[in-house]
Amino acid sequence: MTSARRRSPEPFLWLLFSSGGMLAALLMPALAWRLWLAPGLGLAEPLAFERAAALLSSPLARLGVALVVALALFHWAHRFRFTLYDGLQLSHLWGLIATVCYGGAAIGSAAAAWALLALP
């Protein structure tokens, strides 16, 4: 007789961590250059609100931005969770830390999706 075992969510969380890290590594330098460094150095015009709104007028663009934000937040949550576990030796609080980290990422993702949907 086999007992039913509960599956761990760890593989799914590691998937979110790795995909969020990869997207952050690929997109954040380009965003930082275009939004802050190039305008600050006088190499490009600052991004006007009208242009940003036009870029986010497509539902597919909004979905893409929401996905990038969500994956970046889950990447942060996973990294911060293991920093607290291993770095601060708080592994005895594993349930609370996991709930706060991943819950915060989920709430932040939902807030970003809501904000993107609320755009005109």
PDB file of N, CA and C in Angstrom:
ATOM      1  N   MET A   1       0.845  -1.167   0.000  1.00  0.00           N
ATOM      2  CA  MET A   1       0.000   0.000   0.000  1.00  0.00           C
ATOM      3  C   MET A   1       0.894   1.236   0.000  1.00  0.00           C
ATOM      4  N   THR A   2       0.683   2.118  -0.951  1.00  0.00           N
ATOM      5  CA  THR A   2       1.505   3.322  -1.037  1.00  0.00           C
ATOM      6  C   THR A   2       0.776   4.493  -0.415  1.00  0.00           C
ATOM      7  N   SER A   3       1.539   5.282   0.275  1.00  0.00           N
ATOM      8  CA  SER A   3       0.933   6.463   0.881  1.00  0.00           C
ATOM      9  C   SER A   3       1.069   7.643  -0.072  1.00  0.00           C
ATOM     10  N   ALA A   4       0.101   8.507  -0.025  1.00  0.00           N
ATOM     11  CA  ALA A   4       0.128   9.691  -0.883  1.00  0.00           C
ATOM     12  C   ALA A   4       1.123  10.697  -0.302  1.00  0.00           C
ATOM     13  N   ARG A   5       2.080  11.061  -1.130  1.00  0.00           N
ATOM     14  CA  ARG A   5       3.072  12.039  -0.688  1.00  0.00           C
ATOM     15  C   ARG A   5       2.740  13.400  -1.272  1.00  0.00           C
ATOM     16  N   ARG A   6       2.925  14.384  -0.468  1.00  0.00           N
ATOM     17  CA  ARG A   6       2.696  15.755  -0.915  1.00  0.00           C
ATOM     18  C   ARG A   6       3.919  16.208  -1.694  1.00  0.00           C
ATOM     19  N   ARG A   7       3.686  16.757  -2.875  1.00  0.00           N
ATOM     20  CA  ARG A   7       4.790  17.222  -3.709  1.00  0.00           C
ATOM     21  C   ARG A   7       5.274  18.578  -3.227  1.00  0.00           C
ATOM     22  N   SER A   8       6.565  18.753  -3.288  1.00  0.00           N
ATOM     23  CA  SER A   8       7.188  20.001  -2.877  1.00  0.00           C
ATOM     24  C   SER A   8       7.062  21.038  -3.988  1.00  0.00           C
ATOM     25  N   PRO A   9       6.832  22.310  -3.624  1.00  0.00           N
ATOM     26  CA  PRO A   9       6.794  23.357  -4.643  1.00  0.00           C
ATOM     27  C   PRO A   9       8.190  23.851  -5.045  1.00  0.00           C
ATOM     28  N   GLU A  10       9.244  23.265  -4.470  1.00  0.00           N
ATOM     29  CA  GLU A  10      10.609  23.732  -4.722  1.00  0.00           C
ATOM     30  C   GLU A  10      10.983  23.791  -6.202  1.00  0.00           C
ATOM     31  N   PRO A  11      10.695  22.778  -7.026  1.00  0.00           N
ATOM     32  CA  PRO A  11      11.077  22.889  -8.441  1.00  0.00           C
ATOM     33  C   PRO A  11      10.430  24.088  -9.131  1.00  0.00           C
ATOM     34  N   PHE A  12       9.169  24.353  -8.825  1.00  0.00           N
ATOM     35  CA  PHE A  12       8.485  25.500  -9.411  1.00  0.00           C
ATOM     36  C   PHE A  12       9.115  26.807  -8.936  1.00  0.00           C
ATOM     37  N   LEU A  13       9.468  26.890  -7.656  1.00  0.00           N
ATOM     38  CA  LEU A  13      10.087  28.099  -7.112  1.00  0.00           C
ATOM     39  C   LEU A  13      11.473  28.316  -7.709  1.00  0.00           C
ATOM     40  N   TRP A  14      12.222  27.243  -7.917  1.00  0.00           N
ATOM     41  CA  TRP A  14      13.529  27.372  -8.558  1.00  0.00           C
ATOM     42  C   TRP A  14      13.368  27.811 -10.011  1.00  0.00           C
ATOM     43  N   LEU A  15      12.317  27.373 -10.689  1.00  0.00           N
ATOM     44  CA  LEU A  15      12.051  27.808 -12.055  1.00  0.00           C
ATOM     45  C   LEU A  15      11.790  29.305 -12.090  1.00  0.00           C
ATOM     46  N   LEU A  16      10.964  29.805 -11.166  1.00  0.00           N
ATOM     47  CA  LEU A  16      10.696  31.239 -11.097  1.00  0.00           C
ATOM     48  C   LEU A  16      11.975  32.010 -10.783  1.00  0.00           C
ATOM     49  N   PHE A  17      12.790  31.475  -9.871  1.00  0.00           N
ATOM     50  CA  PHE A  17      14.047  32.118  -9.498  1.00  0.00           C
ATOM     51  C   PHE A  17      14.981  32.236 -10.698  1.00  0.00           C
ATOM     52  N   SER A  18      15.173  31.137 -11.401  1.00  0.00           N
ATOM     53  CA  SER A  18      16.136  31.159 -12.504  1.00  0.00           C
ATOM     54  C   SER A  18      15.636  31.988 -13.684  1.00  0.00           C
ATOM     55  N   SER A  19      14.360  31.912 -14.000  1.00  0.00           N
ATOM     56  CA  SER A  19      13.853  32.709 -15.120  1.00  0.00           C
ATOM     57  C   SER A  19      13.832  34.189 -14.769  1.00  0.00           C
ATOM     58  N   GLY A  20      13.520  34.526 -13.532  1.00  0.00           N
ATOM     59  CA  GLY A  20      13.562  35.926 -13.111  1.00  0.00           C
ATOM     60  C   GLY A  20      14.973  36.477 -13.131  1.00  0.00           C
ATOM     61  N   GLY A  21      15.949  35.679 -12.707  1.00  0.00           N
ATOM     62  CA  GLY A  21      17.338  36.112 -12.751  1.00  0.00           C
ATOM     63  C   GLY A  21      17.838  36.304 -14.164  1.00  0.00           C
ATOM     64  N   MET A  22      17.451  35.398 -15.064  1.00  0.00           N
ATOM     65  CA  MET A  22      17.873  35.513 -16.447  1.00  0.00           C
ATOM     66  C   MET A  22      17.272  36.759 -17.101  1.00  0.00           C
ATOM     67  N   LEU A  23      15.982  36.988 -16.894  1.00  0.00           N
ATOM     68  CA  LEU A  23      15.362  38.177 -17.474  1.00  0.00           C
ATOM     69  C   LEU A  23      15.954  39.454 -16.892  1.00  0.00           C
ATOM     70  N   ALA A  24      16.196  39.467 -15.593  1.00  0.00           N
ATOM     71  CA  ALA A  24      16.793  40.651 -14.978  1.00  0.00           C
ATOM     72  C   ALA A  24      18.186  40.908 -15.543  1.00  0.00           C
ATOM     73  N   ALA A  25      18.970  39.860 -15.719  1.00  0.00           N
ATOM     74  CA  ALA A  25      20.324  40.021 -16.251  1.00  0.00           C
ATOM     75  C   ALA A  25      20.306  40.508 -17.696  1.00  0.00           C
ATOM     76  N   LEU A  26      19.305  40.114 -18.466  1.00  0.00           N
ATOM     77  CA  LEU A  26      19.237  40.523 -19.861  1.00  0.00           C
ATOM     78  C   LEU A  26      18.613  41.903 -20.040  1.00  0.00           C
ATOM     79  N   LEU A  27      17.583  42.218 -19.267  1.00  0.00           N
ATOM     80  CA  LEU A  27      16.819  43.435 -19.510  1.00  0.00           C
ATOM     81  C   LEU A  27      17.230  44.627 -18.659  1.00  0.00           C
ATOM     82  N   MET A  28      17.645  44.403 -17.435  1.00  0.00           N
ATOM     83  CA  MET A  28      17.916  45.535 -16.552  1.00  0.00           C
ATOM     84  C   MET A  28      19.057  46.438 -17.031  1.00  0.00           C
ATOM     85  N   PRO A  29      20.165  45.902 -17.547  1.00  0.00           N
ATOM     86  CA  PRO A  29      21.204  46.816 -18.042  1.00  0.00           C
ATOM     87  C   PRO A  29      20.707  47.703 -19.194  1.00  0.00           C
ATOM     88  N   ALA A  30      19.923  47.140 -20.100  1.00  0.00           N
ATOM     89  CA  ALA A  30      19.394  47.929 -21.215  1.00  0.00           C
ATOM     90  C   ALA A  30      18.418  48.990 -20.708  1.00  0.00           C
ATOM     91  N   LEU A  31      17.570  48.614 -19.757  1.00  0.00           N
ATOM     92  CA  LEU A  31      16.637  49.587 -19.191  1.00  0.00           C
ATOM     93  C   LEU A  31      17.367  50.687 -18.435  1.00  0.00           C
ATOM     94  N   ALA A  32      18.355  50.312 -17.652  1.00  0.00           N
ATOM     95  CA  ALA A  32      19.113  51.315 -16.907  1.00  0.00           C
ATOM     96  C   ALA A  32      19.809  52.277 -17.862  1.00  0.00           C
ATOM     97  N   TRP A  33      20.372  51.743 -18.952  1.00  0.00           N
ATOM     98  CA  TRP A  33      21.036  52.603 -19.924  1.00  0.00           C
ATOM     99  C   TRP A  33      20.036  53.565 -20.556  1.00  0.00           C
ATOM    100  N   ARG A  34      18.901  53.040 -21.035  1.00  0.00           N
ATOM    101  CA  ARG A  34      17.939  53.875 -21.769  1.00  0.00           C
ATOM    102  C   ARG A  34      17.213  54.861 -20.866  1.00  0.00           C
ATOM    103  N   LEU A  35      16.870  54.434 -19.652  1.00  0.00           N
ATOM    104  CA  LEU A  35      16.051  55.300 -18.809  1.00  0.00           C
ATOM    105  C   LEU A  35      16.858  56.287 -17.978  1.00  0.00           C
ATOM    106  N   TRP A  36      18.077  55.896 -17.546  1.00  0.00           N
ATOM    107  CA  TRP A  36      18.804  56.756 -16.611  1.00  0.00           C
ATOM    108  C   TRP A  36      20.159  57.209 -17.113  1.00  0.00           C
ATOM    109  N   LEU A  37      20.980  56.333 -17.609  1.00  0.00           N
ATOM    110  CA  LEU A  37      22.348  56.689 -17.949  1.00  0.00           C
ATOM    111  C   LEU A  37      22.436  57.543 -19.221  1.00  0.00           C
ATOM    112  N   ALA A  38      21.838  57.096 -20.306  1.00  0.00           N
ATOM    113  CA  ALA A  38      21.923  57.846 -21.556  1.00  0.00           C
ATOM    114  C   ALA A  38      21.320  59.248 -21.433  1.00  0.00           C
ATOM    115  N   PRO A  39      20.127  59.415 -20.845  1.00  0.00           N
ATOM    116  CA  PRO A  39      19.627  60.787 -20.674  1.00  0.00           C
ATOM    117  C   PRO A  39      20.500  61.623 -19.736  1.00  0.00           C
ATOM    118  N   GLY A  40      21.023  61.006 -18.702  1.00  0.00           N
ATOM    119  CA  GLY A  40      21.883  61.739 -17.770  1.00  0.00           C
ATOM    120  C   GLY A  40      23.178  62.203 -18.408  1.00  0.00           C
ATOM    121  N   LEU A  41      23.688  61.440 -19.371  1.00  0.00           N
ATOM    122  CA  LEU A  41      24.916  61.807 -20.082  1.00  0.00           C
ATOM    123  C   LEU A  41      24.644  62.674 -21.305  1.00  0.00           C
ATOM    124  N   GLY A  42      23.374  62.944 -21.579  1.00  0.00           N
ATOM    125  CA  GLY A  42      23.017  63.758 -22.738  1.00  0.00           C
ATOM    126  C   GLY A  42      23.058  63.005 -24.053  1.00  0.00           C
ATOM    127  N   LEU A  43      23.050  61.689 -24.007  1.00  0.00           N
ATOM    128  CA  LEU A  43      23.119  60.878 -25.231  1.00  0.00           C
ATOM    129  C   LEU A  43      21.742  60.522 -25.785  1.00  0.00           C
ATOM    130  N   ALA A  44      20.713  60.739 -25.010  1.00  0.00           N
ATOM    131  CA  ALA A  44      19.346  60.441 -25.459  1.00  0.00           C
ATOM    132  C   ALA A  44      18.387  61.342 -24.700  1.00  0.00           C
ATOM    133  N   GLU A  45      17.237  61.559 -25.309  1.00  0.00           N
ATOM    134  CA  GLU A  45      16.196  62.342 -24.645  1.00  0.00           C
ATOM    135  C   GLU A  45      15.534  61.491 -23.560  1.00  0.00           C
ATOM    136  N   PRO A  46      15.155  62.099 -22.452  1.00  0.00           N
ATOM    137  CA  PRO A  46      14.415  61.329 -21.446  1.00  0.00           C
ATOM    138  C   PRO A  46      13.099  60.817 -22.037  1.00  0.00           C
ATOM    139  N   LEU A  47      12.670  59.669 -21.552  1.00  0.00           N
ATOM    140  CA  LEU A  47      11.439  59.055 -22.043  1.00  0.00           C
ATOM    141  C   LEU A  47      10.242  59.854 -21.534  1.00  0.00           C
ATOM    142  N   ALA A  48       9.499  60.439 -22.442  1.00  0.00           N
ATOM    143  CA  ALA A  48       8.325  61.236 -22.082  1.00  0.00           C
ATOM    144  C   ALA A  48       7.173  60.321 -21.683  1.00  0.00           C
ATOM    145  N   PHE A  49       6.279  60.845 -20.884  1.00  0.00           N
ATOM    146  CA  PHE A  49       5.132  60.064 -20.429  1.00  0.00           C
ATOM    147  C   PHE A  49       4.294  59.587 -21.607  1.00  0.00           C
ATOM    148  N   GLU A  50       4.097  60.448 -22.589  1.00  0.00           N
ATOM    149  CA  GLU A  50       3.279  60.085 -23.746  1.00  0.00           C
ATOM    150  C   GLU A  50       3.893  58.905 -24.499  1.00  0.00           C
ATOM    151  N   ARG A  51       5.208  58.893 -24.615  1.00  0.00           N
ATOM    152  CA  ARG A  51       5.893  57.789 -25.309  1.00  0.00           C
ATOM    153  C   ARG A  51       5.776  56.496 -24.505  1.00  0.00           C
ATOM    154  N   ALA A  52       5.957  56.597 -23.181  1.00  0.00           N
ATOM    155  CA  ALA A  52       5.821  55.408 -22.331  1.00  0.00           C
ATOM    156  C   ALA A  52       4.394  54.877 -22.380  1.00  0.00           C
ATOM    157  N   ALA A  53       3.414  55.778 -22.362  1.00  0.00           N
ATOM    158  CA  ALA A  53       2.012  55.355 -22.439  1.00  0.00           C
ATOM    159  C   ALA A  53       1.727  54.692 -23.783  1.00  0.00           C
ATOM    160  N   ALA A  54       2.324  55.218 -24.853  1.00  0.00           N
ATOM    161  CA  ALA A  54       2.133  54.605 -26.171  1.00  0.00           C
ATOM    162  C   ALA A  54       2.758  53.215 -26.216  1.00  0.00           C
ATOM    163  N   LEU A  55       3.919  53.053 -25.571  1.00  0.00           N
ATOM    164  CA  LEU A  55       4.553  51.735 -25.543  1.00  0.00           C
ATOM    165  C   LEU A  55       3.706  50.716 -24.796  1.00  0.00           C
ATOM    166  N   LEU A  56       2.983  51.184 -23.771  1.00  0.00           N
ATOM    167  CA  LEU A  56       2.163  50.276 -22.963  1.00  0.00           C
ATOM    168  C   LEU A  56       0.697  50.253 -23.390  1.00  0.00           C
ATOM    169  N   SER A  57       0.403  50.767 -24.573  1.00  0.00           N
ATOM    170  CA  SER A  57      -0.988  50.763 -25.021  1.00  0.00           C
ATOM    171  C   SER A  57      -1.439  49.374 -25.471  1.00  0.00           C
ATOM    172  N   SER A  58      -0.503  48.537 -25.854  1.00  0.00           N
ATOM    173  CA  SER A  58      -0.834  47.190 -26.307  1.00  0.00           C
ATOM    174  C   SER A  58      -1.021  46.251 -25.109  1.00  0.00           C
ATOM    175  N   PRO A  59      -2.064  45.436 -25.128  1.00  0.00           N
ATOM    176  CA  PRO A  59      -2.241  44.462 -24.038  1.00  0.00           C
ATOM    177  C   PRO A  59      -1.083  43.469 -23.945  1.00  0.00           C
ATOM    178  N   LEU A  60      -0.474  43.146 -25.080  1.00  0.00           N
ATOM    179  CA  LEU A  60       0.660  42.231 -25.076  1.00  0.00           C
ATOM    180  C   LEU A  60       1.877  42.864 -24.384  1.00  0.00           C
ATOM    181  N   ALA A  61       2.087  44.155 -24.595  1.00  0.00           N
ATOM    182  CA  ALA A  61       3.188  44.855 -23.922  1.00  0.00           C
ATOM    183  C   ALA A  61       2.938  44.914 -22.417  1.00  0.00           C
ATOM    184  N   ARG A  62       1.716  45.165 -22.029  1.00  0.00           N
ATOM    185  CA  ARG A  62       1.381  45.204 -20.597  1.00  0.00           C
ATOM    186  C   ARG A  62       1.596  43.832 -19.955  1.00  0.00           C
ATOM    187  N   LEU A  63       1.204  42.792 -20.663  1.00  0.00           N
ATOM    188  CA  LEU A  63       1.417  41.435 -20.161  1.00  0.00           C
ATOM    189  C   LEU A  63       2.908  41.138 -20.018  1.00  0.00           C
ATOM    190  N   GLY A  64       3.688  41.562 -20.999  1.00  0.00           N
ATOM    191  CA  GLY A  64       5.130  41.353 -20.939  1.00  0.00           C
ATOM    192  C   GLY A  64       5.771  42.071 -19.766  1.00  0.00           C
ATOM    193  N   VAL A  65       5.376  43.316 -19.531  1.00  0.00           N
ATOM    194  CA  VAL A  65       5.919  44.068 -18.399  1.00  0.00           C
ATOM    195  C   VAL A  65       5.493  43.426 -17.086  1.00  0.00           C
ATOM    196  N   ALA A  66       4.241  43.006 -16.990  1.00  0.00           N
ATOM    197  CA  ALA A  66       3.773  42.344 -15.775  1.00  0.00           C
ATOM    198  C   ALA A  66       4.538  41.047 -15.528  1.00  0.00           C
ATOM    199  N   LEU A  67       4.828  40.309 -16.573  1.00  0.00           N
ATOM    200  CA  LEU A  67       5.586  39.067 -16.444  1.00  0.00           C
ATOM    201  C   LEU A  67       7.013  39.335 -15.972  1.00  0.00           C
ATOM    202  N   VAL A  68       7.656  40.338 -16.544  1.00  0.00           N
ATOM    203  CA  VAL A  68       9.018  40.680 -16.131  1.00  0.00           C
ATOM    204  C   VAL A  68       9.049  41.113 -14.671  1.00  0.00           C
ATOM    205  N   VAL A  69       8.089  41.936 -14.266  1.00  0.00           N
ATOM    206  CA  VAL A  69       8.026  42.387 -12.872  1.00  0.00           C
ATOM    207  C   VAL A  69       7.783  41.204 -11.941  1.00  0.00           C
ATOM    208  N   ALA A  70       6.853  40.331 -12.297  1.00  0.00           N
ATOM    209  CA  ALA A  70       6.552  39.173 -11.448  1.00  0.00           C
ATOM    210  C   ALA A  70       7.758  38.250 -11.312  1.00  0.00           C
ATOM    211  N   LEU A  71       8.426  37.964 -12.416  1.00  0.00           N
ATOM    212  CA  LEU A  71       9.592  37.076 -12.343  1.00  0.00           C
ATOM    213  C   LEU A  71      10.731  37.708 -11.548  1.00  0.00           C
ATOM    214  N   ALA A  72      10.927  39.019 -11.698  1.00  0.00           N
ATOM    215  CA  ALA A  72      11.962  39.694 -10.919  1.00  0.00           C
ATOM    216  C   ALA A  72      11.633  39.647  -9.422  1.00  0.00           C
ATOM    217  N   LEU A  73      10.362  39.811  -9.068  1.00  0.00           N
ATOM    218  CA  LEU A  73       9.970  39.748  -7.662  1.00  0.00           C
ATOM    219  C   LEU A  73      10.141  38.342  -7.089  1.00  0.00           C
ATOM    220  N   PHE A  74       9.809  37.317  -7.858  1.00  0.00           N
ATOM    221  CA  PHE A  74       9.992  35.957  -7.358  1.00  0.00           C
ATOM    222  C   PHE A  74      11.472  35.584  -7.291  1.00  0.00           C
ATOM    223  N   HIS A  75      12.271  36.155  -8.187  1.00  0.00           N
ATOM    224  CA  HIS A  75      13.721  35.965  -8.084  1.00  0.00           C
ATOM    225  C   HIS A  75      14.223  36.571  -6.773  1.00  0.00           C
ATOM    226  N   TRP A  76      13.787  37.791  -6.487  1.00  0.00           N
ATOM    227  CA  TRP A  76      14.168  38.432  -5.228  1.00  0.00           C
ATOM    228  C   TRP A  76      13.715  37.587  -4.037  1.00  0.00           C
ATOM    229  N   ALA A  77      12.466  37.120  -4.064  1.00  0.00           N
ATOM    230  CA  ALA A  77      11.921  36.376  -2.927  1.00  0.00           C
ATOM    231  C   ALA A  77      12.734  35.123  -2.642  1.00  0.00           C
ATOM    232  N   HIS A  78      13.086  34.398  -3.669  1.00  0.00           N
ATOM    233  CA  HIS A  78      13.842  33.161  -3.484  1.00  0.00           C
ATOM    234  C   HIS A  78      15.244  33.454  -2.954  1.00  0.00           C
ATOM    235  N   ARG A  79      15.886  34.466  -3.519  1.00  0.00           N
ATOM    236  CA  ARG A  79      17.233  34.821  -3.066  1.00  0.00           C
ATOM    237  C   ARG A  79      17.204  35.328  -1.624  1.00  0.00           C
ATOM    238  N   PHE A  80      16.234  36.169  -1.300  1.00  0.00           N
ATOM    239  CA  PHE A  80      16.132  36.720   0.049  1.00  0.00           C
ATOM    240  C   PHE A  80      15.802  35.623   1.062  1.00  0.00           C
ATOM    241  N   ARG A  81      14.950  34.687   0.660  1.00  0.00           N
ATOM    242  CA  ARG A  81      14.601  33.561   1.541  1.00  0.00           C
ATOM    243  C   ARG A  81      15.845  32.777   1.944  1.00  0.00           C
ATOM    244  N   PHE A  82      16.656  32.431   0.968  1.00  0.00           N
ATOM    245  CA  PHE A  82      17.842  31.645   1.298  1.00  0.00           C
ATOM    246  C   PHE A  82      18.931  32.486   1.956  1.00  0.00           C
ATOM    247  N   THR A  83      18.917  33.786   1.741  1.00  0.00           N
ATOM    248  CA  THR A  83      19.832  34.659   2.494  1.00  0.00           C
ATOM    249  C   THR A  83      19.467  34.636   3.966  1.00  0.00           C
ATOM    250  N   LEU A  84      18.185  34.696   4.259  1.00  0.00           N
ATOM    251  CA  LEU A  84      17.745  34.641   5.657  1.00  0.00           C
ATOM    252  C   LEU A  84      18.013  33.271   6.267  1.00  0.00           C
ATOM    253  N   TYR A  85      17.766  32.219   5.501  1.00  0.00           N
ATOM    254  CA  TYR A  85      18.008  30.863   6.005  1.00  0.00           C
ATOM    255  C   TYR A  85      19.482  30.636   6.323  1.00  0.00           C
ATOM    256  N   ASP A  86      20.319  30.863   5.310  1.00  0.00           N
ATOM    257  CA  ASP A  86      21.727  30.495   5.420  1.00  0.00           C
ATOM    258  C   ASP A  86      22.582  31.607   6.015  1.00  0.00           C
ATOM    259  N   GLY A  87      22.366  32.831   5.583  1.00  0.00           N
ATOM    260  CA  GLY A  87      23.201  33.933   6.043  1.00  0.00           C
ATOM    261  C   GLY A  87      22.937  34.321   7.482  1.00  0.00           C
ATOM    262  N   LEU A  88      21.671  34.420   7.828  1.00  0.00           N
ATOM    263  CA  LEU A  88      21.311  34.824   9.194  1.00  0.00           C
ATOM    264  C   LEU A  88      20.954  33.635  10.083  1.00  0.00           C
ATOM    265  N   GLN A  89      21.071  32.431   9.536  1.00  0.00           N
ATOM    266  CA  GLN A  89      20.803  31.201  10.291  1.00  0.00           C
ATOM    267  C   GLN A  89      19.387  31.192  10.899  1.00  0.00           C
ATOM    268  N   LEU A  90      18.414  31.565  10.089  1.00  0.00           N
ATOM    269  CA  LEU A  90      17.021  31.590  10.539  1.00  0.00           C
ATOM    270  C   LEU A  90      16.217  30.441   9.947  1.00  0.00           C
ATOM    271  N   SER A  91      16.866  29.316   9.721  1.00  0.00           N
ATOM    272  CA  SER A  91      16.175  28.202   9.078  1.00  0.00           C
ATOM    273  C   SER A  91      15.063  27.617   9.951  1.00  0.00           C
ATOM    274  N   HIS A  92      15.092  27.896  11.239  1.00  0.00           N
ATOM    275  CA  HIS A  92      14.021  27.404  12.107  1.00  0.00           C
ATOM    276  C   HIS A  92      12.707  28.141  11.836  1.00  0.00           C
ATOM    277  N   LEU A  93      12.761  29.262  11.119  1.00  0.00           N
ATOM    278  CA  LEU A  93      11.556  30.016  10.764  1.00  0.00           C
ATOM    279  C   LEU A  93      11.188  29.817   9.298  1.00  0.00           C
ATOM    280  N   TRP A  94      11.492  28.625   8.760  1.00  0.00           N
ATOM    281  CA  TRP A  94      11.341  28.399   7.327  1.00  0.00           C
ATOM    282  C   TRP A  94       9.943  28.674   6.821  1.00  0.00           C
ATOM    283  N   GLY A  95       8.919  28.284   7.551  1.00  0.00           N
ATOM    284  CA  GLY A  95       7.544  28.480   7.090  1.00  0.00           C
ATOM    285  C   GLY A  95       7.158  29.948   7.030  1.00  0.00           C
ATOM    286  N   LEU A  96       7.485  30.674   8.076  1.00  0.00           N
ATOM    287  CA  LEU A  96       7.168  32.103   8.124  1.00  0.00           C
ATOM    288  C   LEU A  96       7.932  32.863   7.044  1.00  0.00           C
ATOM    289  N   ILE A  97       9.220  32.584   6.903  1.00  0.00           N
ATOM    290  CA  ILE A  97      10.038  33.288   5.920  1.00  0.00           C
ATOM    291  C   ILE A  97       9.552  32.995   4.510  1.00  0.00           C
ATOM    292  N   ALA A  98       9.265  31.751   4.208  1.00  0.00           N
ATOM    293  CA  ALA A  98       8.780  31.399   2.870  1.00  0.00           C
ATOM    294  C   ALA A  98       7.447  32.092   2.580  1.00  0.00           C
ATOM    295  N   THR A  99       6.563  32.116   3.560  1.00  0.00           N
ATOM    296  CA  THR A  99       5.265  32.750   3.375  1.00  0.00           C
ATOM    297  C   THR A  99       5.408  34.241   3.134  1.00  0.00           C
ATOM    298  N   VAL A 100       6.247  34.904   3.922  1.00  0.00           N
ATOM    299  CA  VAL A 100       6.433  36.349   3.775  1.00  0.00           C
ATOM    300  C   VAL A 100       7.114  36.672   2.445  1.00  0.00           C
ATOM    301  N   CYS A 101       8.154  35.939   2.095  1.00  0.00           N
ATOM    302  CA  CYS A 101       8.888  36.224   0.854  1.00  0.00           C
ATOM    303  C   CYS A 101       8.022  35.984  -0.379  1.00  0.00           C
ATOM    304  N   TYR A 102       7.469  34.793  -0.501  1.00  0.00           N
ATOM    305  CA  TYR A 102       6.682  34.478  -1.692  1.00  0.00           C
ATOM    306  C   TYR A 102       5.325  35.184  -1.678  1.00  0.00           C
ATOM    307  N   GLY A 103       4.777  35.399  -0.499  1.00  0.00           N
ATOM    308  CA  GLY A 103       3.541  36.177  -0.409  1.00  0.00           C
ATOM    309  C   GLY A 103       3.760  37.615  -0.836  1.00  0.00           C
ATOM    310  N   GLY A 104       4.892  38.183  -0.419  1.00  0.00           N
ATOM    311  CA  GLY A 104       5.225  39.543  -0.837  1.00  0.00           C
ATOM    312  C   GLY A 104       5.423  39.635  -2.335  1.00  0.00           C
ATOM    313  N   ALA A 105       6.071  38.629  -2.909  1.00  0.00           N
ATOM    314  CA  ALA A 105       6.262  38.611  -4.363  1.00  0.00           C
ATOM    315  C   ALA A 105       4.924  38.480  -5.082  1.00  0.00           C
ATOM    316  N   ALA A 106       4.038  37.655  -4.556  1.00  0.00           N
ATOM    317  CA  ALA A 106       2.724  37.490  -5.183  1.00  0.00           C
ATOM    318  C   ALA A 106       1.901  38.769  -5.081  1.00  0.00           C
ATOM    319  N   ILE A 107       1.942  39.423  -3.926  1.00  0.00           N
ATOM    320  CA  ILE A 107       1.201  40.686  -3.756  1.00  0.00           C
ATOM    321  C   ILE A 107       1.781  41.767  -4.649  1.00  0.00           C
ATOM    322  N   GLY A 108       3.109  41.842  -4.720  1.00  0.00           N
ATOM    323  CA  GLY A 108       3.742  42.820  -5.604  1.00  0.00           C
ATOM    324  C   GLY A 108       3.422  42.565  -7.064  1.00  0.00           C
ATOM    325  N   SER A 109       3.382  41.306  -7.453  1.00  0.00           N
ATOM    326  CA  SER A 109       3.036  40.953  -8.830  1.00  0.00           C
ATOM    327  C   SER A 109       1.595  41.338  -9.142  1.00  0.00           C
ATOM    328  N   ALA A 110       0.696  41.077  -8.210  1.00  0.00           N
ATOM    329  CA  ALA A 110      -0.703  41.431  -8.405  1.00  0.00           C
ATOM    330  C   ALA A 110      -0.869  42.942  -8.461  1.00  0.00           C
ATOM    331  N   ALA A 111      -0.144  43.670  -7.627  1.00  0.00           N
ATOM    332  CA  ALA A 111      -0.220  45.136  -7.646  1.00  0.00           C
ATOM    333  C   ALA A 111       0.310  45.689  -8.969  1.00  0.00           C
ATOM    334  N   ALA A 112       1.394  45.120  -9.478  1.00  0.00           N
ATOM    335  CA  ALA A 112       1.931  45.579 -10.763  1.00  0.00           C
ATOM    336  C   ALA A 112       0.944  45.283 -11.895  1.00  0.00           C
ATOM    337  N   ALA A 113       0.347  44.098 -11.880  1.00  0.00           N
ATOM    338  CA  ALA A 113      -0.641  43.749 -12.906  1.00  0.00           C
ATOM    339  C   ALA A 113      -1.848  44.680 -12.829  1.00  0.00           C
ATOM    340  N   TRP A 114      -2.295  44.965 -11.624  1.00  0.00           N
ATOM    341  CA  TRP A 114      -3.444  45.875 -11.449  1.00  0.00           C
ATOM    342  C   TRP A 114      -3.102  47.270 -11.955  1.00  0.00           C
ATOM    343  N   ALA A 115      -1.901  47.762 -11.616  1.00  0.00           N
ATOM    344  CA  ALA A 115      -1.492  49.095 -12.068  1.00  0.00           C
ATOM    345  C   ALA A 115      -1.393  49.158 -13.593  1.00  0.00           C
ATOM    346  N   LEU A 116      -0.890  48.094 -14.191  1.00  0.00           N
ATOM    347  CA  LEU A 116      -0.787  48.074 -15.651  1.00  0.00           C
ATOM    348  C   LEU A 116      -2.170  47.997 -16.313  1.00  0.00           C
ATOM    349  N   LEU A 117      -3.076  47.253 -15.699  1.00  0.00           N
ATOM    350  CA  LEU A 117      -4.433  47.174 -16.257  1.00  0.00           C
ATOM    351  C   LEU A 117      -5.207  48.475 -16.082  1.00  0.00           C
ATOM    352  N   ALA A 118      -4.858  49.243 -15.052  1.00  0.00           N
ATOM    353  CA  ALA A 118      -5.552  50.499 -14.768  1.00  0.00           C
ATOM    354  C   ALA A 118      -5.108  51.646 -15.681  1.00  0.00           C
ATOM    355  N   LEU A 119      -4.020  51.434 -16.431  1.00  0.00           N
ATOM    356  CA  LEU A 119      -3.571  52.482 -17.352  1.00  0.00           C
ATOM    357  C   LEU A 119      -4.632  52.721 -18.407  1.00  0.00           C
ATOM    358  N   PRO A 120      -4.768  53.984 -18.826  1.00  0.00           N
ATOM    359  CA  PRO A 120      -5.779  54.277 -19.871  1.00  0.00           C
ATOM    360  C   PRO A 120      -5.399  53.699 -21.214  1.00  0.00           C
TER     361      PRO A 120
END
